[in-house]
Amino acid sequence: MPGTFIPTDYFPVVVIFSIALLIGLGAVVAGILVRPRRPYTQKLFPYESGNPPVGEPRYKFSVKFYIIAMLFVVFDVEAVFLYPWAVAYDSLGIYGFVEMMLFVFILLIGYVYVWKKGAFEWE
């Protein structure tokens, strides 16, 4: 009958998602209910590695900082893809080797591009 289809294959996913949501919310509520509430001046003071804070807390970071961070993430993801490829290298054969060398070559082109643009120079 049209319109009565119930996707029962997704029921376990819904149950696990619901349990995870309840555990997360339960932990937050338990923390709110159980934690001690004794604020005082020293506890409310901002903490910076044991040193008193210096300067304005809303300091704007240079765009270079974010560029370096994004480049780090890109090359870190490359390392994440290289590890499983190295583990399965024997079973992939020459096709897997060529594909990974193409991947590394594309990343190398990106690396040379950002190097030429001066993104690695910290001023």
N, C-alpha and C. Protein backbone atom coordinates (compact mmCIF):
# COMPACT_ATOMS: atom_id res chain seq x y z
N MET A 1 0.84 -1.17 0.00
CA MET A 1 0.00 0.00 0.00
C MET A 1 0.90 1.24 0.00
N PRO A 2 0.68 2.19 -0.90
CA PRO A 2 1.52 3.39 -0.97
C PRO A 2 1.39 4.26 0.28
N GLY A 3 2.53 4.80 0.71
CA GLY A 3 2.54 5.72 1.83
C GLY A 3 2.64 5.07 3.19
N THR A 4 2.75 3.76 3.26
CA THR A 4 2.84 3.09 4.56
C THR A 4 4.21 2.48 4.80
N PHE A 5 5.17 2.80 3.95
CA PHE A 5 6.51 2.21 4.10
C PHE A 5 7.22 2.81 5.31
N ILE A 6 7.69 1.96 6.19
CA ILE A 6 8.45 2.38 7.37
C ILE A 6 9.85 1.79 7.23
N PRO A 7 10.88 2.62 7.13
CA PRO A 7 12.24 2.10 6.94
C PRO A 7 12.78 1.48 8.24
N THR A 8 12.54 0.21 8.46
CA THR A 8 12.97 -0.46 9.68
C THR A 8 14.46 -0.73 9.71
N ASP A 9 15.12 -0.63 8.57
CA ASP A 9 16.57 -0.85 8.54
C ASP A 9 17.32 0.23 9.30
N TYR A 10 16.74 1.40 9.46
CA TYR A 10 17.40 2.51 10.14
C TYR A 10 17.08 2.55 11.65
N PHE A 11 16.24 1.65 12.10
CA PHE A 11 15.86 1.65 13.52
C PHE A 11 17.06 1.52 14.45
N PRO A 12 18.02 0.59 14.20
CA PRO A 12 19.19 0.52 15.09
C PRO A 12 20.00 1.81 15.12
N VAL A 13 20.09 2.51 14.01
CA VAL A 13 20.82 3.77 13.97
C VAL A 13 20.12 4.82 14.83
N VAL A 14 18.80 4.86 14.74
CA VAL A 14 18.02 5.80 15.55
C VAL A 14 18.17 5.49 17.03
N VAL A 15 18.17 4.20 17.39
CA VAL A 15 18.32 3.80 18.79
C VAL A 15 19.69 4.20 19.32
N ILE A 16 20.74 3.93 18.56
CA ILE A 16 22.09 4.27 19.01
C ILE A 16 22.25 5.79 19.11
N PHE A 17 21.71 6.53 18.14
CA PHE A 17 21.77 7.99 18.19
C PHE A 17 21.03 8.52 19.41
N SER A 18 19.87 7.94 19.71
CA SER A 18 19.10 8.37 20.87
C SER A 18 19.83 8.09 22.17
N ILE A 19 20.45 6.91 22.27
CA ILE A 19 21.21 6.56 23.48
C ILE A 19 22.39 7.52 23.65
N ALA A 20 23.09 7.80 22.56
CA ALA A 20 24.24 8.72 22.63
C ALA A 20 23.78 10.11 23.04
N LEU A 21 22.67 10.56 22.51
CA LEU A 21 22.14 11.87 22.87
C LEU A 21 21.75 11.92 24.34
N LEU A 22 21.10 10.86 24.83
CA LEU A 22 20.71 10.82 26.25
C LEU A 22 21.92 10.78 27.18
N ILE A 23 22.95 10.03 26.80
CA ILE A 23 24.16 9.98 27.63
C ILE A 23 24.83 11.36 27.67
N GLY A 24 24.93 12.02 26.52
CA GLY A 24 25.54 13.35 26.48
C GLY A 24 24.76 14.36 27.30
N LEU A 25 23.46 14.40 27.10
CA LEU A 25 22.64 15.34 27.88
C LEU A 25 22.64 14.98 29.36
N GLY A 26 22.64 13.69 29.67
CA GLY A 26 22.68 13.26 31.07
C GLY A 26 23.96 13.70 31.75
N ALA A 27 25.09 13.62 31.04
CA ALA A 27 26.36 14.05 31.61
C ALA A 27 26.36 15.55 31.88
N VAL A 28 25.80 16.32 30.96
CA VAL A 28 25.75 17.77 31.16
C VAL A 28 24.85 18.12 32.34
N VAL A 29 23.67 17.51 32.41
CA VAL A 29 22.75 17.79 33.51
C VAL A 29 23.34 17.35 34.84
N ALA A 30 23.98 16.17 34.86
CA ALA A 30 24.61 15.70 36.10
C ALA A 30 25.71 16.66 36.54
N GLY A 31 26.48 17.18 35.61
CA GLY A 31 27.53 18.14 35.95
C GLY A 31 26.96 19.42 36.54
N ILE A 32 25.85 19.88 35.98
CA ILE A 32 25.22 21.09 36.50
C ILE A 32 24.68 20.86 37.91
N LEU A 33 24.09 19.70 38.15
CA LEU A 33 23.48 19.42 39.45
C LEU A 33 24.50 19.10 40.55
N VAL A 34 25.60 18.47 40.21
CA VAL A 34 26.54 17.96 41.21
C VAL A 34 27.70 18.90 41.51
N ARG A 35 28.09 19.74 40.58
CA ARG A 35 29.29 20.54 40.77
C ARG A 35 29.15 21.53 41.92
N PRO A 36 30.26 21.84 42.57
CA PRO A 36 30.21 22.85 43.64
C PRO A 36 30.09 24.25 43.04
N ARG A 37 29.35 25.09 43.71
CA ARG A 37 29.16 26.47 43.24
C ARG A 37 29.72 27.43 44.28
N ARG A 38 31.04 27.61 44.26
CA ARG A 38 31.69 28.53 45.20
C ARG A 38 32.61 29.47 44.43
N PRO A 39 32.04 30.40 43.65
CA PRO A 39 32.91 31.31 42.89
C PRO A 39 33.58 32.34 43.80
N TYR A 40 34.82 32.64 43.51
CA TYR A 40 35.52 33.72 44.19
C TYR A 40 36.46 34.37 43.18
N THR A 41 37.05 35.48 43.53
CA THR A 41 37.79 36.31 42.59
C THR A 41 38.92 35.55 41.90
N GLN A 42 39.70 34.81 42.65
CA GLN A 42 40.83 34.10 42.06
C GLN A 42 40.37 33.02 41.09
N LYS A 43 39.26 32.36 41.41
CA LYS A 43 38.75 31.31 40.53
C LYS A 43 38.19 31.89 39.23
N LEU A 44 37.62 33.06 39.29
CA LEU A 44 37.02 33.68 38.11
C LEU A 44 38.04 34.43 37.25
N PHE A 45 39.29 34.51 37.70
CA PHE A 45 40.34 35.20 36.98
C PHE A 45 40.76 34.38 35.76
N PRO A 46 40.96 34.99 34.58
CA PRO A 46 41.39 34.24 33.40
C PRO A 46 42.75 33.58 33.64
N TYR A 47 42.91 32.38 33.11
CA TYR A 47 44.12 31.59 33.32
C TYR A 47 44.90 31.46 32.01
N GLU A 48 46.17 31.81 32.03
CA GLU A 48 47.03 31.68 30.86
C GLU A 48 48.34 31.01 31.27
N SER A 49 48.36 29.73 31.36
CA SER A 49 49.57 28.95 31.65
C SER A 49 50.25 29.41 32.94
N GLY A 50 49.51 29.78 33.92
CA GLY A 50 50.06 30.18 35.20
C GLY A 50 50.52 31.62 35.26
N ASN A 51 50.44 32.34 34.16
CA ASN A 51 50.86 33.74 34.13
C ASN A 51 49.63 34.64 34.15
N PRO A 52 49.76 35.81 34.76
CA PRO A 52 48.64 36.75 34.69
C PRO A 52 48.43 37.19 33.24
N PRO A 53 47.19 37.37 32.81
CA PRO A 53 46.94 37.75 31.42
C PRO A 53 47.52 39.13 31.12
N VAL A 54 48.07 39.26 29.91
CA VAL A 54 48.67 40.51 29.47
C VAL A 54 47.95 40.94 28.20
N GLY A 55 47.54 42.17 28.14
CA GLY A 55 46.92 42.69 26.93
C GLY A 55 45.43 42.44 26.88
N GLU A 56 44.88 42.79 25.76
CA GLU A 56 43.44 42.69 25.53
C GLU A 56 43.05 41.24 25.20
N PRO A 57 41.98 40.72 25.77
CA PRO A 57 41.61 39.32 25.48
C PRO A 57 41.04 39.15 24.08
N ARG A 58 40.62 40.19 23.44
CA ARG A 58 40.04 40.09 22.10
C ARG A 58 41.06 40.46 21.02
N TYR A 59 42.27 39.96 21.17
CA TYR A 59 43.34 40.24 20.22
C TYR A 59 43.04 39.54 18.90
N LYS A 60 43.16 40.27 17.79
CA LYS A 60 42.91 39.69 16.47
C LYS A 60 44.19 39.04 15.96
N PHE A 61 44.07 37.76 15.59
CA PHE A 61 45.20 37.04 15.04
C PHE A 61 45.40 37.44 13.58
N SER A 62 46.63 37.34 13.13
CA SER A 62 46.95 37.61 11.74
C SER A 62 46.34 36.53 10.85
N VAL A 63 46.02 36.91 9.62
CA VAL A 63 45.49 35.95 8.66
C VAL A 63 46.53 34.86 8.38
N LYS A 64 47.80 35.19 8.48
CA LYS A 64 48.87 34.21 8.27
C LYS A 64 48.73 33.03 9.23
N PHE A 65 48.31 33.31 10.45
CA PHE A 65 48.12 32.24 11.43
C PHE A 65 47.11 31.22 10.93
N TYR A 66 45.99 31.71 10.39
CA TYR A 66 44.95 30.81 9.91
C TYR A 66 45.39 30.08 8.65
N ILE A 67 46.14 30.72 7.79
CA ILE A 67 46.64 30.07 6.58
C ILE A 67 47.58 28.93 6.95
N ILE A 68 48.49 29.18 7.87
CA ILE A 68 49.40 28.13 8.31
C ILE A 68 48.62 26.98 8.95
N ALA A 69 47.59 27.31 9.73
CA ALA A 69 46.78 26.26 10.36
C ALA A 69 46.06 25.42 9.32
N MET A 70 45.50 26.05 8.29
CA MET A 70 44.81 25.29 7.24
C MET A 70 45.78 24.44 6.45
N LEU A 71 46.96 24.97 6.19
CA LEU A 71 47.97 24.18 5.47
C LEU A 71 48.40 22.98 6.30
N PHE A 72 48.53 23.16 7.60
CA PHE A 72 48.87 22.05 8.47
C PHE A 72 47.80 20.97 8.39
N VAL A 73 46.54 21.36 8.41
CA VAL A 73 45.45 20.39 8.33
C VAL A 73 45.49 19.65 7.00
N VAL A 74 45.73 20.36 5.91
CA VAL A 74 45.78 19.72 4.59
C VAL A 74 46.88 18.67 4.54
N PHE A 75 48.07 19.01 5.01
CA PHE A 75 49.17 18.06 4.94
C PHE A 75 49.05 16.97 6.01
N ASP A 76 48.34 17.24 7.07
CA ASP A 76 48.06 16.21 8.06
C ASP A 76 47.08 15.19 7.50
N VAL A 77 46.10 15.65 6.74
CA VAL A 77 45.15 14.74 6.10
C VAL A 77 45.88 13.87 5.08
N GLU A 78 46.87 14.44 4.43
CA GLU A 78 47.66 13.64 3.50
C GLU A 78 48.30 12.47 4.23
N ALA A 79 48.85 12.72 5.39
CA ALA A 79 49.47 11.64 6.17
C ALA A 79 48.43 10.61 6.58
N VAL A 80 47.21 11.04 6.88
CA VAL A 80 46.14 10.10 7.25
C VAL A 80 45.82 9.19 6.07
N PHE A 81 45.84 9.71 4.85
CA PHE A 81 45.57 8.88 3.68
C PHE A 81 46.76 7.99 3.31
N LEU A 82 47.96 8.40 3.64
CA LEU A 82 49.14 7.61 3.29
C LEU A 82 49.25 6.34 4.13
N TYR A 83 48.83 6.37 5.38
CA TYR A 83 49.00 5.21 6.25
C TYR A 83 48.19 4.00 5.78
N PRO A 84 46.87 4.12 5.52
CA PRO A 84 46.15 2.93 5.05
C PRO A 84 46.65 2.45 3.69
N TRP A 85 47.07 3.39 2.85
CA TRP A 85 47.62 2.99 1.56
C TRP A 85 48.88 2.16 1.75
N ALA A 86 49.72 2.56 2.68
CA ALA A 86 50.96 1.80 2.92
C ALA A 86 50.65 0.42 3.50
N VAL A 87 49.63 0.32 4.32
CA VAL A 87 49.26 -0.97 4.90
C VAL A 87 48.73 -1.91 3.82
N ALA A 88 47.94 -1.39 2.88
CA ALA A 88 47.33 -2.22 1.84
C ALA A 88 48.11 -2.17 0.53
N TYR A 89 49.35 -1.76 0.59
CA TYR A 89 50.14 -1.58 -0.64
C TYR A 89 50.25 -2.85 -1.47
N ASP A 90 50.48 -3.99 -0.83
CA ASP A 90 50.65 -5.25 -1.57
C ASP A 90 49.39 -5.64 -2.34
N SER A 91 48.24 -5.43 -1.75
CA SER A 91 47.00 -5.85 -2.42
C SER A 91 46.52 -4.86 -3.48
N LEU A 92 47.00 -3.62 -3.46
CA LEU A 92 46.54 -2.62 -4.42
C LEU A 92 47.25 -2.72 -5.77
N GLY A 93 48.48 -3.16 -5.75
CA GLY A 93 49.21 -3.31 -7.00
C GLY A 93 49.64 -1.98 -7.60
N ILE A 94 49.91 -2.02 -8.90
CA ILE A 94 50.43 -0.84 -9.59
C ILE A 94 49.38 0.26 -9.69
N TYR A 95 48.11 -0.12 -9.79
CA TYR A 95 47.03 0.87 -9.87
C TYR A 95 47.01 1.73 -8.60
N GLY A 96 47.10 1.10 -7.44
CA GLY A 96 47.11 1.83 -6.18
C GLY A 96 48.33 2.72 -6.05
N PHE A 97 49.47 2.24 -6.56
CA PHE A 97 50.69 3.03 -6.52
C PHE A 97 50.56 4.28 -7.38
N VAL A 98 50.04 4.11 -8.58
CA VAL A 98 49.89 5.26 -9.50
C VAL A 98 48.89 6.26 -8.92
N GLU A 99 47.79 5.77 -8.37
CA GLU A 99 46.80 6.68 -7.79
C GLU A 99 47.40 7.49 -6.63
N MET A 100 48.17 6.84 -5.76
CA MET A 100 48.75 7.54 -4.62
C MET A 100 49.83 8.53 -5.07
N MET A 101 50.60 8.16 -6.09
CA MET A 101 51.59 9.09 -6.59
C MET A 101 50.92 10.31 -7.24
N LEU A 102 49.76 10.10 -7.88
CA LEU A 102 49.00 11.22 -8.43
C LEU A 102 48.50 12.12 -7.30
N PHE A 103 48.01 11.52 -6.22
CA PHE A 103 47.55 12.27 -5.05
C PHE A 103 48.69 13.08 -4.44
N VAL A 104 49.84 12.46 -4.26
CA VAL A 104 51.00 13.16 -3.69
C VAL A 104 51.48 14.26 -4.63
N PHE A 105 51.43 14.00 -5.94
CA PHE A 105 51.85 15.01 -6.91
C PHE A 105 50.95 16.24 -6.86
N ILE A 106 49.63 16.04 -6.74
CA ILE A 106 48.70 17.16 -6.65
C ILE A 106 48.97 17.96 -5.37
N LEU A 107 49.22 17.27 -4.27
CA LEU A 107 49.55 17.97 -3.03
C LEU A 107 50.88 18.70 -3.14
N LEU A 108 51.83 18.11 -3.84
CA LEU A 108 53.13 18.76 -4.05
C LEU A 108 52.97 20.04 -4.87
N ILE A 109 52.10 20.01 -5.87
CA ILE A 109 51.83 21.22 -6.65
C ILE A 109 51.25 22.30 -5.74
N GLY A 110 50.32 21.91 -4.86
CA GLY A 110 49.75 22.87 -3.91
C GLY A 110 50.80 23.42 -2.96
N TYR A 111 51.70 22.55 -2.50
CA TYR A 111 52.77 22.96 -1.59
C TYR A 111 53.68 23.98 -2.27
N VAL A 112 54.07 23.71 -3.51
CA VAL A 112 54.94 24.63 -4.24
C VAL A 112 54.21 25.95 -4.48
N TYR A 113 52.91 25.90 -4.78
CA TYR A 113 52.13 27.11 -5.00
C TYR A 113 52.11 28.00 -3.77
N VAL A 114 51.81 27.43 -2.60
CA VAL A 114 51.75 28.27 -1.40
C VAL A 114 53.15 28.72 -0.98
N TRP A 115 54.17 27.95 -1.30
CA TRP A 115 55.54 28.36 -1.02
C TRP A 115 55.89 29.59 -1.87
N LYS A 116 55.55 29.54 -3.15
CA LYS A 116 55.84 30.66 -4.05
C LYS A 116 55.05 31.90 -3.66
N LYS A 117 53.84 31.71 -3.14
CA LYS A 117 53.00 32.85 -2.70
C LYS A 117 53.51 33.45 -1.40
N GLY A 118 54.42 32.76 -0.70
CA GLY A 118 54.99 33.29 0.53
C GLY A 118 54.17 32.98 1.76
N ALA A 119 53.33 31.97 1.69
CA ALA A 119 52.46 31.64 2.83
C ALA A 119 53.24 31.08 4.02
N PHE A 120 54.43 30.55 3.79
CA PHE A 120 55.23 29.98 4.86
C PHE A 120 56.14 31.00 5.55
N GLU A 121 56.16 32.23 5.07
CA GLU A 121 57.01 33.25 5.66
C GLU A 121 56.27 33.92 6.81
N TRP A 122 56.79 33.78 7.99
CA TRP A 122 56.15 34.32 9.19
C TRP A 122 56.73 35.70 9.47
N GLU A 123 55.90 36.73 9.45
CA GLU A 123 56.40 38.09 9.61
C GLU A 123 56.07 38.64 10.96
